[in-house]
Amino acid sequence: MFMIFRRADNIGMQVVDERVFLLDEAGTEMIVLNHVGTMVWDALDGASDASAIAASLAASFEDVSLAELESDVRYFLDELASVALVVAVK
């Protein structure tokens, strides 16, 4: 099992045109998620690791292997963690 993340507390979030805009707690870092990033953000339930999230999204990306999708999800979650928009559950 890989690391499980959840959304960080006190994150500003707004959905505009099916894209998520995130603002960190300090109000200094804004990230605009693309369509795929928004799908991953929506899948963050605090119980699913990157593999489970990738598996839940696989049907939407038939031209991408599950291994590649898992790798991309892991990388994306690590990037969000580096700016404190997600936190590790375990």
Protein backbone atom coordinates (compact mmCIF):
# COMPACT_ATOMS: atom_id res chain seq x y z
CA MET A 1 0.00 0.00 0.00
CA PHE A 2 1.21 3.47 -0.88
CA MET A 3 0.64 6.72 0.94
CA ILE A 4 -2.92 7.96 1.29
CA PHE A 5 -3.66 11.67 1.11
CA ARG A 6 -6.59 13.86 2.04
CA ARG A 7 -7.31 17.47 1.28
CA ALA A 8 -5.60 19.84 3.69
CA ASP A 9 -7.75 21.83 6.09
CA ASN A 10 -8.33 25.54 5.50
CA ILE A 11 -7.77 25.38 1.75
CA GLY A 12 -9.72 27.86 -0.32
CA MET A 13 -11.44 26.13 -3.20
CA GLN A 14 -13.62 27.39 -6.02
CA VAL A 15 -14.92 25.51 -9.05
CA VAL A 16 -15.18 27.54 -12.25
CA ASP A 17 -16.02 25.96 -15.60
CA GLU A 18 -15.32 22.47 -14.22
CA ARG A 19 -11.83 23.47 -13.07
CA VAL A 20 -10.78 23.70 -9.45
CA PHE A 21 -8.94 26.76 -8.15
CA LEU A 22 -7.06 26.10 -4.89
CA LEU A 23 -5.64 28.69 -2.51
CA ASP A 24 -3.34 27.64 0.30
CA GLU A 25 -4.05 28.52 3.92
CA ALA A 26 -1.68 31.51 3.88
CA GLY A 27 -3.30 32.86 0.74
CA THR A 28 0.03 32.99 -1.09
CA GLU A 29 -0.17 30.01 -3.46
CA MET A 30 -2.92 29.55 -6.02
CA ILE A 31 -3.11 26.48 -8.20
CA VAL A 32 -5.57 25.99 -11.02
CA LEU A 33 -6.22 22.32 -11.72
CA ASN A 34 -6.81 21.11 -15.23
CA HIS A 35 -9.56 18.60 -16.01
CA VAL A 36 -7.50 15.58 -14.95
CA GLY A 37 -6.22 17.29 -11.80
CA THR A 38 -9.81 18.16 -10.91
CA MET A 39 -10.79 14.50 -11.30
CA VAL A 40 -7.99 13.44 -8.93
CA TRP A 41 -8.91 16.20 -6.45
CA ASP A 42 -12.52 15.01 -6.49
CA ALA A 43 -11.35 11.43 -5.83
CA LEU A 44 -9.43 12.38 -2.67
CA ASP A 45 -11.45 10.67 0.04
CA GLY A 46 -8.78 10.09 2.68
CA ALA A 47 -9.06 6.31 2.19
CA SER A 48 -7.76 5.70 -1.34
CA ASP A 49 -4.11 5.58 -2.34
CA ALA A 50 -2.83 6.65 -5.77
CA SER A 51 -3.38 3.16 -7.19
CA ALA A 52 -7.03 3.14 -6.14
CA ILE A 53 -7.57 6.66 -7.46
CA ALA A 54 -5.94 5.73 -10.79
CA ALA A 55 -8.11 2.61 -11.03
CA SER A 56 -11.23 4.70 -10.44
CA LEU A 57 -10.22 7.02 -13.29
CA ALA A 58 -8.96 4.38 -15.73
CA ALA A 59 -12.20 4.12 -17.72
CA SER A 60 -11.91 7.82 -18.58
CA PHE A 61 -8.40 7.31 -20.02
CA GLU A 62 -8.57 4.19 -22.17
CA ASP A 63 -5.49 5.24 -24.18
CA VAL A 64 -3.29 5.43 -21.02
CA SER A 65 -1.98 2.34 -19.26
CA LEU A 66 -2.96 1.87 -15.63
CA ALA A 67 0.73 1.92 -14.64
CA GLU A 68 1.24 5.29 -16.33
CA LEU A 69 -1.93 6.68 -14.80
CA GLU A 70 -0.84 5.50 -11.32
CA SER A 71 2.54 7.15 -11.80
CA ASP A 72 0.94 10.41 -12.91
CA VAL A 73 -1.50 10.40 -9.97
CA ARG A 74 1.36 9.73 -7.51
CA TYR A 75 3.42 12.56 -8.99
CA PHE A 76 0.46 14.95 -8.87
CA LEU A 77 -0.30 14.11 -5.23
CA ASP A 78 3.37 14.62 -4.32
CA GLU A 79 3.25 18.03 -6.01
CA LEU A 80 0.12 19.00 -4.06
CA ALA A 81 1.76 17.79 -0.85
CA SER A 82 4.85 19.92 -1.55
CA VAL A 83 2.69 23.05 -1.38
CA ALA A 84 0.60 21.73 1.56
CA LEU A 85 -2.66 21.37 -0.36
CA VAL A 86 -2.92 17.72 0.65
CA VAL A 87 -1.65 15.93 3.73
CA ALA A 88 -0.69 12.32 4.27
CA VAL A 89 -3.17 10.19 6.19
CA LYS A 90 -0.82 7.19 6.35
